């Protein structure tokens, strides 16, 4: 994995303090920090977690890295005081094999990053990059990214596979950054289509941190699938999913749009207030349908509902999945029945898609020449390279006219 060179970012005088008891760990941290930015002031102090506040209160650093032995409730008991007193300081916790409970507890205490031992170079360097962007105010200052929602007109439409692999295709258009957010809150599994990744944090965890939620916290809560693609997973339990409020969904989407070039959302089939909030905030809504009567009937109902809700027609894109020529229902008949033009067809390619799903790997990685992979790249290029697509369409039209 390529780690972004800090020299690519604007320099600032970000100070870092490291506190812990293990001398070997402290020296490893110092070496890795100096490797990342040799000009950054680094202070290393030997002390326990209970002494942290007293050691840094006179001169708080921009980044504080704390080595914890077990990261239990007792060790972290003073952390909320520390993070509330110094809200602009990025606090990172280093501990061995943290449990999910420890991770959630640390997040609620305002700890921005959780580092695990044995510490990996890329993990620390990526955390420091996020801290630098936060210190410079970069992550919240650039233009708002494009928000894209995928929704199936009926169960089994394949929209989760398409949404996740579309996000991956977008992320390959350097130098963009893409966020995949799984908002199928009850049964979401979008990340599993791209990686065998056990999430540390989910939408429910981030939503529960509303008072502390900022760019750095969101960034540290994402699963970093590739250098240009991050994902926020759906909750692990139905109980946690029910706790997520519409206004929390809105905050997460707004913050993601401020920090990524593209935000891709996989939406569930429940048209509840949270789904409606996500649809309202979307620049593009991809509605996935198949060429069968049950799909067309449900798609018509969905489109009528979206019309009643006042969603602009120009941002609704009809995507026909598992398309095969020569069927009983043609694209013309579909467009006539729905009163909409088809935005994109996705061919039927069962073997390659099944292999991708079963391996938990992006289709573009295992079969980049597959027709489904090419179709997803084409959809992505409609947004990342619109002039290229227009030129291709003009060339095709010219060929068609000349062949008549």
Protein backbone atom coordinates (compact mmCIF):
# COMPACT_ATOMS: atom_id res chain seq x y z
CA UNK A 1 0.00 0.00 0.00
CA UNK A 2 1.36 3.38 -0.98
CA UNK A 3 1.65 5.85 1.90
CA UNK A 4 1.15 9.47 0.96
CA UNK A 5 4.35 11.49 1.27
CA UNK A 6 3.81 14.20 3.91
CA UNK A 7 5.78 16.58 1.73
CA UNK A 8 2.83 16.51 -0.64
CA UNK A 9 0.86 18.35 2.02
CA UNK A 10 1.43 21.90 3.09
CA UNK A 11 3.96 22.09 5.93
CA UNK A 12 2.96 23.19 9.40
CA UNK A 13 4.53 23.02 12.83
CA UNK A 14 2.57 20.08 14.18
CA UNK A 15 3.93 18.92 17.54
CA UNK A 16 3.66 15.33 18.71
CA UNK A 17 4.07 13.89 22.22
CA UNK A 18 4.41 10.18 22.97
CA UNK A 19 3.79 8.87 26.50
CA UNK A 20 4.23 5.30 27.76
CA UNK A 21 6.20 2.94 29.98
CA UNK A 22 7.81 0.52 27.54
CA UNK A 23 11.12 1.99 26.36
CA UNK A 24 11.32 -0.22 23.27
CA UNK A 25 7.81 0.78 22.19
CA UNK A 26 8.56 4.45 22.74
CA UNK A 27 11.72 4.28 20.64
CA UNK A 28 9.88 2.44 17.87
CA UNK A 29 7.26 5.18 17.83
CA UNK A 30 9.92 7.88 17.72
CA UNK A 31 11.68 6.20 14.79
CA UNK A 32 8.47 5.75 12.80
CA UNK A 33 7.42 9.35 13.45
CA UNK A 34 10.80 10.70 12.36
CA UNK A 35 10.60 8.51 9.25
CA UNK A 36 7.23 10.05 8.43
CA UNK A 37 8.36 13.65 8.96
CA UNK A 38 11.90 14.31 10.15
CA UNK A 39 11.14 18.00 10.75
CA UNK A 40 8.24 17.42 13.15
CA UNK A 41 8.97 18.11 16.84
CA UNK A 42 8.54 14.83 18.79
CA UNK A 43 8.64 14.60 22.58
CA UNK A 44 8.88 11.17 24.23
CA UNK A 45 7.99 10.86 27.94
CA UNK A 46 8.14 7.78 30.17
CA UNK A 47 5.06 7.71 32.38
CA UNK A 48 1.77 5.91 32.96
CA UNK A 49 -1.62 6.84 31.56
CA UNK A 50 -2.62 8.39 34.88
CA UNK A 51 0.09 11.06 34.51
CA UNK A 52 -0.84 12.19 31.01
CA UNK A 53 -2.95 15.21 31.91
CA UNK A 54 -0.36 16.66 34.27
CA UNK A 55 2.43 16.21 31.72
CA UNK A 56 0.79 17.94 28.77
CA UNK A 57 -1.61 20.51 30.22
CA UNK A 58 0.97 23.32 30.25
CA UNK A 59 1.87 22.81 26.59
CA UNK A 60 -0.60 20.53 24.78
CA UNK A 61 0.70 19.01 21.52
CA UNK A 62 -1.22 18.71 18.26
CA UNK A 63 -0.94 14.92 18.46
CA UNK A 64 -0.77 12.84 21.65
CA UNK A 65 0.06 9.14 21.40
CA UNK A 66 -0.52 7.15 24.60
CA UNK A 67 0.67 3.60 25.22
CA UNK A 68 -1.87 1.72 27.34
CA UNK A 69 -1.32 -1.68 28.95
CA UNK A 70 -4.85 -3.05 28.76
CA UNK A 71 -6.97 -0.04 27.78
CA UNK A 72 -9.61 -0.95 30.36
CA UNK A 73 -12.09 1.44 31.91
CA UNK A 74 -9.73 2.31 34.76
CA UNK A 75 -6.87 3.23 32.45
CA UNK A 76 -9.08 5.42 30.28
CA UNK A 77 -11.02 7.04 33.13
CA UNK A 78 -9.36 10.45 32.66
CA UNK A 79 -9.44 10.54 28.88
CA UNK A 80 -12.76 12.35 28.56
CA UNK A 81 -11.40 15.20 30.70
CA UNK A 82 -8.34 15.36 28.48
CA UNK A 83 -10.26 15.40 25.17
CA UNK A 84 -12.80 17.93 26.42
CA UNK A 85 -10.06 20.23 27.73
CA UNK A 86 -8.08 20.05 24.46
CA UNK A 87 -10.64 19.45 21.66
CA UNK A 88 -8.16 20.39 18.89
CA UNK A 89 -5.63 17.77 19.98
CA UNK A 90 -5.66 14.42 18.19
CA UNK A 91 -5.37 11.65 20.78
CA UNK A 92 -4.15 8.22 19.65
CA UNK A 93 -4.19 5.14 21.86
CA UNK A 94 -1.72 2.28 21.39
CA UNK A 95 -2.63 -1.07 22.96
CA UNK A 96 -2.46 -4.79 22.34
CA UNK A 97 -5.43 -6.67 20.84
CA UNK A 98 -8.18 -4.19 21.74
CA UNK A 99 -11.66 -5.68 21.99
CA UNK A 100 -14.69 -4.21 20.22
CA UNK A 101 -15.90 -2.90 23.58
CA UNK A 102 -12.58 -1.09 24.15
CA UNK A 103 -12.73 0.42 20.67
CA UNK A 104 -16.24 1.74 21.19
CA UNK A 105 -15.40 3.04 24.66
CA UNK A 106 -12.31 4.82 23.33
CA UNK A 107 -14.28 6.47 20.54
CA UNK A 108 -16.92 7.77 22.95
CA UNK A 109 -14.14 9.26 25.11
CA UNK A 110 -12.95 11.32 22.15
CA UNK A 111 -9.89 9.24 21.21
CA UNK A 112 -9.41 9.84 17.49
CA UNK A 113 -7.22 6.89 16.53
CA UNK A 114 -6.71 3.39 17.93
CA UNK A 115 -3.30 1.87 17.13
CA UNK A 116 -2.66 -1.83 17.72
CA UNK A 117 0.53 -3.61 18.72
CA UNK A 118 2.68 -4.77 17.08
CA UNK A 119 2.56 -1.36 15.46
CA UNK A 120 2.68 -1.29 11.66
CA UNK A 121 4.39 1.54 9.81
CA UNK A 122 1.47 2.12 7.44
CA UNK A 123 -1.07 2.22 10.27
CA UNK A 124 0.81 4.94 12.14
CA UNK A 125 1.66 6.95 9.03
CA UNK A 126 -1.93 6.96 7.78
CA UNK A 127 -3.15 8.06 11.23
CA UNK A 128 -0.61 10.89 11.21
CA UNK A 129 -1.75 11.98 7.76
CA UNK A 130 -5.31 12.31 9.04
CA UNK A 131 -4.06 14.23 12.07
CA UNK A 132 -2.12 16.63 9.85
CA UNK A 133 -5.12 17.27 7.62
CA UNK A 134 -7.21 17.96 10.71
CA UNK A 135 -4.57 20.31 12.13
CA UNK A 136 -4.43 22.26 8.88
CA UNK A 137 -8.20 22.31 8.53
CA UNK A 138 -7.78 20.69 5.11
CA UNK A 139 -10.33 17.94 5.39
CA UNK A 140 -13.23 20.27 5.94
CA UNK A 141 -12.23 23.01 3.54
CA UNK A 142 -12.26 21.61 0.00
CA UNK A 143 -15.28 21.44 -2.24
CA UNK A 144 -18.15 19.16 -1.36
CA UNK A 145 -17.99 15.74 -2.97
CA UNK A 146 -20.70 14.09 -5.06
CA UNK A 147 -23.16 11.93 -3.11
CA UNK A 148 -24.47 8.83 -4.90
CA UNK A 149 -27.11 6.40 -3.67
CA UNK A 150 -27.87 2.91 -4.96
CA UNK A 151 -31.27 1.40 -4.25
CA UNK A 152 -32.92 -1.77 -5.52
CA UNK A 153 -36.44 -1.70 -6.89
CA UNK A 154 -36.96 -5.17 -5.41
CA UNK A 155 -35.09 -7.57 -3.17
CA UNK A 156 -32.39 -9.51 -5.03
CA UNK A 157 -31.78 -6.76 -7.57
CA UNK A 158 -28.01 -6.94 -7.04
CA UNK A 159 -27.67 -3.31 -6.01
CA UNK A 160 -25.24 -4.04 -3.14
CA UNK A 161 -22.81 -5.80 -5.46
CA UNK A 162 -23.14 -2.96 -7.97
CA UNK A 163 -22.80 -0.20 -5.35
CA UNK A 164 -19.67 -1.65 -3.77
CA UNK A 165 -17.97 -2.48 -7.06
CA UNK A 166 -18.97 0.90 -8.50
CA UNK A 167 -17.30 2.58 -5.52
CA UNK A 168 -14.18 0.52 -6.21
CA UNK A 169 -14.24 1.49 -9.89
CA UNK A 170 -14.56 5.17 -8.95
CA UNK A 171 -11.61 4.90 -6.56
CA UNK A 172 -9.35 3.68 -9.36
CA UNK A 173 -9.71 7.04 -11.11
CA UNK A 174 -6.68 8.71 -9.54
CA UNK A 175 -6.40 10.97 -7.63
CA UNK A 176 -9.93 10.82 -6.18
CA UNK A 177 -10.93 9.64 -2.70
CA UNK A 178 -14.11 7.59 -2.32
CA UNK A 179 -16.22 6.71 0.71
CA UNK A 180 -18.56 3.71 0.64
CA UNK A 181 -21.26 3.99 3.33
CA UNK A 182 -23.49 1.01 4.02
CA UNK A 183 -26.90 2.45 4.94
CA UNK A 184 -28.73 -0.84 4.67
CA UNK A 185 -28.69 -0.55 8.44
CA UNK A 186 -30.46 -3.79 9.30
CA UNK A 187 -28.89 -6.25 6.86
CA UNK A 188 -25.98 -4.43 5.22
CA UNK A 189 -22.93 -6.33 4.01
CA UNK A 190 -21.52 -4.10 1.25
CA UNK A 191 -17.92 -4.29 2.50
CA UNK A 192 -17.92 -8.09 2.23
CA UNK A 193 -18.14 -7.74 -1.55
CA UNK A 194 -14.73 -6.03 -1.55
CA UNK A 195 -12.78 -7.45 1.38
CA UNK A 196 -12.90 -10.01 4.16
CA UNK A 197 -12.92 -7.19 6.65
CA UNK A 198 -14.17 -7.31 10.23
CA UNK A 199 -15.17 -3.73 10.97
CA UNK A 200 -13.85 -2.02 14.09
CA UNK A 201 -16.56 0.64 13.94
CA UNK A 202 -19.92 0.91 12.21
CA UNK A 203 -22.48 3.55 11.28
CA UNK A 204 -24.09 3.02 14.69
CA UNK A 205 -20.81 3.72 16.53
CA UNK A 206 -20.21 6.92 14.58
CA UNK A 207 -23.81 8.02 15.00
CA UNK A 208 -23.45 7.52 18.76
CA UNK A 209 -20.53 9.97 18.80
CA UNK A 210 -22.51 12.93 17.49
CA UNK A 211 -21.08 15.39 19.99
CA UNK A 212 -17.51 14.54 19.02
CA UNK A 213 -17.94 13.71 15.35
CA UNK A 214 -15.51 15.49 13.06
CA UNK A 215 -13.36 14.67 10.03
CA UNK A 216 -10.64 12.94 12.03
CA UNK A 217 -13.07 10.77 13.97
CA UNK A 218 -14.93 9.80 10.81
CA UNK A 219 -11.65 8.97 9.07
CA UNK A 220 -10.47 6.77 11.94
CA UNK A 221 -13.82 4.95 12.00
CA UNK A 222 -13.67 3.93 8.35
CA UNK A 223 -12.33 0.61 7.11
CA UNK A 224 -9.42 1.56 4.84
CA UNK A 225 -9.82 -0.88 1.95
CA UNK A 226 -7.34 0.79 -0.42
CA UNK A 227 -5.38 4.06 -0.30
CA UNK A 228 -8.26 5.77 -2.12
CA UNK A 229 -11.30 3.83 -0.86
CA UNK A 230 -12.67 3.87 2.69
CA UNK A 231 -15.84 2.18 3.90
CA UNK A 232 -18.20 2.67 6.83
CA UNK A 233 -19.94 -0.59 7.62
CA UNK A 234 -23.53 -1.24 8.63
CA UNK A 235 -24.25 -2.07 12.30
CA UNK A 236 -23.57 -5.61 13.44
CA UNK A 237 -26.88 -5.96 15.31
CA UNK A 238 -30.50 -5.05 14.66
CA UNK A 239 -30.66 -3.37 18.05
CA UNK A 240 -27.80 -1.04 17.17
CA UNK A 241 -29.39 -0.28 13.81
CA UNK A 242 -32.61 0.91 15.42
CA UNK A 243 -30.70 3.48 17.48
CA UNK A 244 -29.44 5.41 14.43
CA UNK A 245 -31.42 8.63 13.96
CA UNK A 246 -32.14 10.46 10.67
CA UNK A 247 -30.24 13.56 11.77
CA UNK A 248 -27.22 11.39 12.57
CA UNK A 249 -27.33 9.90 9.08
CA UNK A 250 -27.45 13.43 7.68
CA UNK A 251 -24.41 14.51 9.70
CA UNK A 252 -22.39 11.48 8.59
CA UNK A 253 -23.21 12.09 4.91
CA UNK A 254 -22.42 15.81 5.17
CA UNK A 255 -19.07 15.16 6.81
CA UNK A 256 -18.18 12.43 4.31
CA UNK A 257 -19.04 14.75 1.41
CA UNK A 258 -16.70 17.40 2.84
CA UNK A 259 -13.81 14.95 2.98
CA UNK A 260 -14.20 12.71 -0.06
CA UNK A 261 -14.59 13.36 -3.77
CA UNK A 262 -17.37 10.77 -4.03
CA UNK A 263 -19.67 9.29 -1.40
CA UNK A 264 -21.36 6.06 -2.52
CA UNK A 265 -24.25 4.76 -0.38
CA UNK A 266 -25.91 1.36 -0.48
CA UNK A 267 -29.47 1.87 0.74
CA UNK A 268 -31.81 -0.73 2.16
CA UNK A 269 -35.31 -1.42 0.86
CA UNK A 270 -37.03 0.16 3.87
CA UNK A 271 -38.28 3.63 2.91
CA UNK A 272 -37.94 4.98 6.44
CA UNK A 273 -36.96 8.48 7.53
CA UNK A 274 -33.26 7.63 7.44
CA UNK A 275 -33.41 6.35 3.87
CA UNK A 276 -35.42 9.40 2.81
CA UNK A 277 -32.85 11.70 4.41
CA UNK A 278 -30.08 9.96 2.43
CA UNK A 279 -32.05 10.22 -0.81
CA UNK A 280 -32.69 13.93 -0.25
CA UNK A 281 -28.94 14.52 0.12
CA UNK A 282 -27.98 12.53 -2.99
CA UNK A 283 -26.81 14.12 -6.22
CA UNK A 284 -27.41 10.86 -8.08
CA UNK A 285 -29.75 7.96 -7.32
CA UNK A 286 -29.18 4.68 -9.16
CA UNK A 287 -32.34 2.55 -9.24
CA UNK A 288 -31.58 -1.07 -10.05
CA UNK A 289 -34.17 -3.10 -11.94
CA UNK A 290 -34.27 -6.35 -13.88
CA UNK A 291 -36.33 -7.19 -16.96
CA UNK A 292 -39.07 -9.20 -15.26
CA UNK A 293 -42.65 -8.17 -14.51
CA UNK A 294 -42.29 -8.28 -10.68
CA UNK A 295 -39.23 -6.02 -10.86
CA UNK A 296 -40.89 -3.61 -13.26
CA UNK A 297 -44.03 -3.41 -11.13
CA UNK A 298 -42.03 -2.64 -7.95
CA UNK A 299 -39.79 -0.21 -9.81
CA UNK A 300 -42.83 1.72 -11.01
CA UNK A 301 -44.09 1.95 -7.43
CA UNK A 302 -40.69 3.17 -6.25
CA UNK A 303 -40.48 5.81 -8.97
CA UNK A 304 -43.99 7.03 -8.14
CA UNK A 305 -43.00 7.30 -4.48
CA UNK A 306 -39.88 9.29 -5.33
CA UNK A 307 -41.99 11.59 -7.51
CA UNK A 308 -44.39 12.21 -4.63
CA UNK A 309 -41.42 13.00 -2.38
CA UNK A 310 -40.36 15.67 -4.85
CA UNK A 311 -37.00 14.21 -5.86
CA UNK A 312 -35.73 15.77 -9.07
CA UNK A 313 -36.14 13.43 -12.04
CA UNK A 314 -32.76 14.36 -13.50
CA UNK A 315 -30.90 12.78 -10.62
CA UNK A 316 -32.67 9.41 -10.96
CA UNK A 317 -30.71 6.91 -13.07
CA UNK A 318 -32.31 3.66 -14.16
CA UNK A 319 -29.82 0.74 -14.20
CA UNK A 320 -30.87 -2.57 -15.75
CA UNK A 321 -28.98 -5.42 -14.10
CA UNK A 322 -28.40 -8.91 -15.57
CA UNK A 323 -29.37 -7.65 -18.99
CA UNK A 324 -29.52 -10.11 -21.89
CA UNK A 325 -30.62 -9.35 -25.43
CA UNK A 326 -33.51 -11.22 -26.93
CA UNK A 327 -35.69 -11.53 -23.85
CA UNK A 328 -39.46 -11.24 -23.71
CA UNK A 329 -39.22 -7.73 -22.30
CA UNK A 330 -37.08 -5.30 -24.28
CA UNK A 331 -35.52 -2.06 -23.13
CA UNK A 332 -38.06 -0.14 -25.22
CA UNK A 333 -40.91 -1.85 -23.40
CA UNK A 334 -39.29 -1.13 -20.04
CA UNK A 335 -38.81 2.55 -20.85
CA UNK A 336 -42.40 2.78 -22.07
CA UNK A 337 -43.75 1.14 -18.91
CA UNK A 338 -41.72 3.32 -16.56
CA UNK A 339 -41.71 6.54 -18.55
CA UNK A 340 -37.93 6.80 -18.07
CA UNK A 341 -34.87 6.26 -20.23
CA UNK A 342 -32.37 3.56 -19.21
CA UNK A 343 -29.15 5.09 -17.92
CA UNK A 344 -26.99 1.94 -18.10
CA UNK A 345 -27.33 -1.78 -18.72
CA UNK A 346 -25.23 -4.27 -16.73
CA UNK A 347 -24.80 -7.57 -18.63
CA UNK A 348 -25.51 -10.96 -17.10
CA UNK A 349 -22.20 -12.64 -16.22
CA UNK A 350 -22.97 -15.20 -13.54
CA UNK A 351 -19.64 -17.03 -13.33
CA UNK A 352 -17.40 -13.97 -12.86
CA UNK A 353 -19.81 -12.23 -10.49
CA UNK A 354 -20.27 -15.37 -8.38
CA UNK A 355 -16.50 -15.78 -8.17
CA UNK A 356 -16.12 -12.17 -7.04
CA UNK A 357 -18.83 -12.55 -4.39
CA UNK A 358 -17.51 -15.85 -3.06
CA UNK A 359 -13.93 -14.57 -2.83
CA UNK A 360 -14.94 -11.22 -1.34
CA UNK A 361 -12.80 -9.42 -3.92
CA UNK A 362 -13.62 -6.61 -6.36
CA UNK A 363 -14.68 -7.87 -9.78
CA UNK A 364 -12.15 -5.53 -11.40
CA UNK A 365 -9.35 -7.33 -9.56
CA UNK A 366 -10.26 -10.84 -10.63
CA UNK A 367 -11.84 -10.29 -14.07
CA UNK A 368 -11.20 -6.77 -15.32
CA UNK A 369 -12.22 -7.69 -18.89
CA UNK A 370 -15.55 -9.17 -17.81
CA UNK A 371 -18.55 -7.35 -19.35
CA UNK A 372 -19.93 -6.45 -15.90
CA UNK A 373 -16.58 -4.97 -14.86
CA UNK A 374 -16.40 -2.95 -18.09
CA UNK A 375 -19.96 -1.68 -17.59
CA UNK A 376 -19.18 -0.51 -14.04
CA UNK A 377 -16.05 1.26 -15.27
CA UNK A 378 -18.18 2.97 -17.91
CA UNK A 379 -20.65 4.17 -15.26
CA UNK A 380 -17.77 5.49 -13.15
CA UNK A 381 -16.22 7.27 -16.13
CA UNK A 382 -19.50 9.07 -16.82
CA UNK A 383 -18.68 11.06 -13.69
CA UNK A 384 -14.87 11.02 -13.53
CA UNK A 385 -14.20 11.46 -17.27
CA UNK A 386 -17.43 12.79 -18.83
CA UNK A 387 -15.64 14.21 -21.89
CA UNK A 388 -14.19 10.79 -22.67
CA UNK A 389 -17.64 9.19 -22.62
CA UNK A 390 -19.09 11.94 -24.81
CA UNK A 391 -16.30 11.44 -27.33
CA UNK A 392 -16.96 7.69 -27.39
CA UNK A 393 -20.67 8.32 -27.95
CA UNK A 394 -19.92 10.75 -30.80
CA UNK A 395 -17.58 8.22 -32.40
CA UNK A 396 -20.20 5.48 -32.14
CA UNK A 397 -22.86 7.76 -33.62
CA UNK A 398 -20.57 8.72 -36.53
CA UNK A 399 -19.81 5.04 -37.21
CA UNK A 400 -23.52 4.21 -37.13
CA UNK A 401 -24.36 6.98 -39.61
CA UNK A 402 -21.54 5.92 -41.93
CA UNK A 403 -22.61 2.29 -41.88
CA UNK A 404 -26.17 3.02 -43.01
